[in-house]
Amino acid sequence: MKTAIAYPGMNASDRPMGPAPLSAAVLHEPMLFISGQVAIDPYSGDVVGGDIASQTRQVLKNVGALLSEADMTFDNVVRVTIYLTDLTTFSEMNATYSEFFNFPFPARATVGIQLNHPDLLVEMEVTAMR
């Protein structure tokens, strides 16, 4: 059975990032699938940060909140897909990303893309497992 996971203090039916028909995360034991997270504060709706380091930090803060709601941590993450609007920011993003993960690191892919908001620089989708 799958269960929608929301940001702390929100209902699963809330759409803090817009009207898209998706859940912030879905728990299907033993796996948690976190939808693409961007550098938007889910409570205010504001874009956080104007550089790749601060945006990466906000993305992973959002991920961490969803992991916590599912009683998991970054140690449960097994796969991350990273979408960058500018691949020249890879090293700086990677340095910030490394603050959140320990060995053994999740499997990962990084892709260059264009996001639907011009101020957003990075998006990450995450899979975690108990």
C-alpha atoms as a PDB file:
ATOM      1  CA  MET A   1       0.000   0.000   0.000  1.00  0.00           C
ATOM      2  CA  LYS A   2       1.347   3.438  -0.852  1.00  0.00           C
ATOM      3  CA  THR A   3       1.100   6.423   1.470  1.00  0.00           C
ATOM      4  CA  ALA A   4       1.580  10.084   0.553  1.00  0.00           C
ATOM      5  CA  ILE A   5       4.198  11.852   2.681  1.00  0.00           C
ATOM      6  CA  ALA A   6       3.977  15.614   3.204  1.00  0.00           C
ATOM      7  CA  TYR A   7       6.311  18.264   4.587  1.00  0.00           C
ATOM      8  CA  PRO A   8       6.118  18.512   8.397  1.00  0.00           C
ATOM      9  CA  GLY A   9       2.941  20.298   9.490  1.00  0.00           C
ATOM     10  CA  MET A  10       1.239  19.960   6.093  1.00  0.00           C
ATOM     11  CA  ASN A  11      -1.444  17.642   4.812  1.00  0.00           C
ATOM     12  CA  ALA A  12      -0.592  15.200   2.045  1.00  0.00           C
ATOM     13  CA  SER A  13      -3.220  16.893  -0.147  1.00  0.00           C
ATOM     14  CA  ASP A  14      -1.509  20.314   0.145  1.00  0.00           C
ATOM     15  CA  ARG A  15       0.225  21.540  -3.002  1.00  0.00           C
ATOM     16  CA  PRO A  16       2.917  23.890  -1.670  1.00  0.00           C
ATOM     17  CA  MET A  17       4.942  23.847  -4.897  1.00  0.00           C
ATOM     18  CA  GLY A  18       1.997  24.399  -7.247  1.00  0.00           C
ATOM     19  CA  PRO A  19      -1.043  22.655  -8.671  1.00  0.00           C
ATOM     20  CA  ALA A  20       0.730  19.670 -10.258  1.00  0.00           C
ATOM     21  CA  PRO A  21      -1.007  16.332  -9.578  1.00  0.00           C
ATOM     22  CA  LEU A  22       1.789  14.746  -7.531  1.00  0.00           C
ATOM     23  CA  SER A  23       2.759  13.936  -3.970  1.00  0.00           C
ATOM     24  CA  ALA A  24       5.853  15.449  -2.370  1.00  0.00           C
ATOM     25  CA  ALA A  25       6.812  11.858  -1.556  1.00  0.00           C
ATOM     26  CA  VAL A  26       5.245   8.409  -1.641  1.00  0.00           C
ATOM     27  CA  LEU A  27       6.085   5.680   0.831  1.00  0.00           C
ATOM     28  CA  HIS A  28       5.623   2.150  -0.474  1.00  0.00           C
ATOM     29  CA  GLU A  29       7.369   0.045   2.161  1.00  0.00           C
ATOM     30  CA  PRO A  30      10.240  -0.386   2.310  1.00  0.00           C
ATOM     31  CA  MET A  31      10.869   2.369  -0.262  1.00  0.00           C
ATOM     32  CA  LEU A  32      10.329   6.122  -0.244  1.00  0.00           C
ATOM     33  CA  PHE A  33      10.120   7.991  -3.543  1.00  0.00           C
ATOM     34  CA  ILE A  34      10.654  11.752  -3.228  1.00  0.00           C
ATOM     35  CA  SER A  35       9.441  13.894  -6.106  1.00  0.00           C
ATOM     36  CA  GLY A  36      11.818  16.397  -7.672  1.00  0.00           C
ATOM     37  CA  GLN A  37      12.728  18.987  -5.058  1.00  0.00           C
ATOM     38  CA  VAL A  38      13.774  22.507  -5.987  1.00  0.00           C
ATOM     39  CA  ALA A  39      15.029  25.444  -3.926  1.00  0.00           C
ATOM     40  CA  ILE A  40      11.565  26.608  -2.908  1.00  0.00           C
ATOM     41  CA  ASP A  41      10.601  26.899   0.738  1.00  0.00           C
ATOM     42  CA  PRO A  42       7.445  24.755   0.838  1.00  0.00           C
ATOM     43  CA  TYR A  43       5.935  26.924   3.599  1.00  0.00           C
ATOM     44  CA  SER A  44       6.414  30.363   2.012  1.00  0.00           C
ATOM     45  CA  GLY A  45       6.610  29.400  -1.666  1.00  0.00           C
ATOM     46  CA  ASP A  46       9.711  31.593  -2.052  1.00  0.00           C
ATOM     47  CA  VAL A  47      12.803  30.625  -4.035  1.00  0.00           C
ATOM     48  CA  VAL A  48      15.683  30.315  -1.557  1.00  0.00           C
ATOM     49  CA  GLY A  49      19.127  31.467  -2.654  1.00  0.00           C
ATOM     50  CA  GLY A  50      20.561  32.879  -5.830  1.00  0.00           C
ATOM     51  CA  ASP A  51      23.584  30.603  -6.124  1.00  0.00           C
ATOM     52  CA  ILE A  52      24.031  26.877  -6.567  1.00  0.00           C
ATOM     53  CA  ALA A  53      25.353  26.224  -3.033  1.00  0.00           C
ATOM     54  CA  SER A  54      22.416  27.856  -1.244  1.00  0.00           C
ATOM     55  CA  GLN A  55      19.900  26.308  -3.629  1.00  0.00           C
ATOM     56  CA  THR A  56      21.449  22.845  -3.213  1.00  0.00           C
ATOM     57  CA  ARG A  57      21.242  23.301   0.552  1.00  0.00           C
ATOM     58  CA  GLN A  58      17.516  24.214   0.339  1.00  0.00           C
ATOM     59  CA  VAL A  59      16.778  21.277  -1.956  1.00  0.00           C
ATOM     60  CA  LEU A  60      18.430  18.898   0.505  1.00  0.00           C
ATOM     61  CA  LYS A  61      16.683  20.593   3.436  1.00  0.00           C
ATOM     62  CA  ASN A  62      13.375  19.814   1.691  1.00  0.00           C
ATOM     63  CA  VAL A  63      14.526  16.227   1.089  1.00  0.00           C
ATOM     64  CA  GLY A  64      15.572  15.901   4.734  1.00  0.00           C
ATOM     65  CA  ALA A  65      12.153  17.070   5.948  1.00  0.00           C
ATOM     66  CA  LEU A  66      10.400  14.451   3.818  1.00  0.00           C
ATOM     67  CA  LEU A  67      12.821  11.730   4.908  1.00  0.00           C
ATOM     68  CA  SER A  68      12.150  12.650   8.525  1.00  0.00           C
ATOM     69  CA  GLU A  69       8.378  12.452   8.030  1.00  0.00           C
ATOM     70  CA  ALA A  70       8.903   8.880   6.809  1.00  0.00           C
ATOM     71  CA  ASP A  71      11.158   8.115   9.823  1.00  0.00           C
ATOM     72  CA  MET A  72      14.244   7.948   7.604  1.00  0.00           C
ATOM     73  CA  THR A  73      17.507   9.878   7.284  1.00  0.00           C
ATOM     74  CA  PHE A  74      19.988  10.624   4.524  1.00  0.00           C
ATOM     75  CA  ASP A  75      21.590   7.265   5.384  1.00  0.00           C
ATOM     76  CA  ASN A  76      18.479   5.593   3.883  1.00  0.00           C
ATOM     77  CA  VAL A  77      18.957   7.275   0.489  1.00  0.00           C
ATOM     78  CA  VAL A  78      19.966   4.778  -2.202  1.00  0.00           C
ATOM     79  CA  ARG A  79      19.535   6.831  -5.407  1.00  0.00           C
ATOM     80  CA  VAL A  80      19.605  10.527  -6.370  1.00  0.00           C
ATOM     81  CA  THR A  81      19.043  12.111  -9.753  1.00  0.00           C
ATOM     82  CA  ILE A  82      20.309  15.687  -9.995  1.00  0.00           C
ATOM     83  CA  TYR A  83      19.183  18.147 -12.647  1.00  0.00           C
ATOM     84  CA  LEU A  84      21.378  21.224 -13.177  1.00  0.00           C
ATOM     85  CA  THR A  85      20.545  24.216 -15.349  1.00  0.00           C
ATOM     86  CA  ASP A  86      24.266  24.964 -15.725  1.00  0.00           C
ATOM     87  CA  LEU A  87      26.682  22.028 -15.715  1.00  0.00           C
ATOM     88  CA  THR A  88      29.596  24.370 -14.925  1.00  0.00           C
ATOM     89  CA  THR A  89      28.163  24.569 -11.366  1.00  0.00           C
ATOM     90  CA  PHE A  90      28.664  20.812 -10.864  1.00  0.00           C
ATOM     91  CA  SER A  91      31.710  21.104  -8.574  1.00  0.00           C
ATOM     92  CA  GLU A  92      30.109  23.675  -6.292  1.00  0.00           C
ATOM     93  CA  MET A  93      26.840  21.709  -6.141  1.00  0.00           C
ATOM     94  CA  ASN A  94      28.825  18.542  -5.416  1.00  0.00           C
ATOM     95  CA  ALA A  95      30.681  20.202  -2.519  1.00  0.00           C
ATOM     96  CA  THR A  96      27.397  21.226  -0.881  1.00  0.00           C
ATOM     97  CA  TYR A  97      25.776  17.852  -1.648  1.00  0.00           C
ATOM     98  CA  SER A  98      28.693  16.142   0.133  1.00  0.00           C
ATOM     99  CA  GLU A  99      27.722  17.883   3.401  1.00  0.00           C
ATOM    100  CA  PHE A 100      24.574  15.707   3.569  1.00  0.00           C
ATOM    101  CA  PHE A 101      25.794  12.221   2.633  1.00  0.00           C
ATOM    102  CA  ASN A 102      28.235   9.725   4.108  1.00  0.00           C
ATOM    103  CA  PHE A 103      29.877   6.630   2.659  1.00  0.00           C
ATOM    104  CA  PRO A 104      28.489   4.466   1.179  1.00  0.00           C
ATOM    105  CA  PHE A 105      27.106   7.233  -1.021  1.00  0.00           C
ATOM    106  CA  PRO A 106      23.849   6.833  -2.958  1.00  0.00           C
ATOM    107  CA  ALA A 107      23.949   5.820  -6.602  1.00  0.00           C
ATOM    108  CA  ARG A 108      23.569   8.996  -8.632  1.00  0.00           C
ATOM    109  CA  ALA A 109      23.171  10.628 -12.021  1.00  0.00           C
ATOM    110  CA  THR A 110      23.515  14.296 -12.974  1.00  0.00           C
ATOM    111  CA  VAL A 111      21.802  15.759 -16.023  1.00  0.00           C
ATOM    112  CA  GLY A 112      21.796  19.212 -17.614  1.00  0.00           C
ATOM    113  CA  ILE A 113      18.288  20.613 -18.151  1.00  0.00           C
ATOM    114  CA  GLN A 114      16.118  23.720 -18.273  1.00  0.00           C
ATOM    115  CA  LEU A 115      13.746  24.195 -15.327  1.00  0.00           C
ATOM    116  CA  ASN A 116      10.355  25.885 -15.576  1.00  0.00           C
ATOM    117  CA  HIS A 117      11.347  28.839 -13.348  1.00  0.00           C
ATOM    118  CA  PRO A 118      14.295  31.026 -14.407  1.00  0.00           C
ATOM    119  CA  ASP A 119      15.590  31.487 -10.835  1.00  0.00           C
ATOM    120  CA  LEU A 120      15.867  27.754 -10.099  1.00  0.00           C
ATOM    121  CA  LEU A 121      19.291  26.208 -10.641  1.00  0.00           C
ATOM    122  CA  VAL A 122      18.940  22.626  -9.371  1.00  0.00           C
ATOM    123  CA  GLU A 123      16.351  19.904  -8.840  1.00  0.00           C
ATOM    124  CA  MET A 124      16.811  16.509  -7.191  1.00  0.00           C
ATOM    125  CA  GLU A 125      14.650  13.410  -7.028  1.00  0.00           C
ATOM    126  CA  VAL A 126      15.471  10.834  -4.379  1.00  0.00           C
ATOM    127  CA  THR A 127      14.758   7.196  -3.612  1.00  0.00           C
ATOM    128  CA  ALA A 128      15.286   5.903  -0.080  1.00  0.00           C
ATOM    129  CA  MET A 129      14.866   2.466   1.436  1.00  0.00           C
ATOM    130  CA  ARG A 130      14.582   1.040   4.950  1.00  0.00           C
END
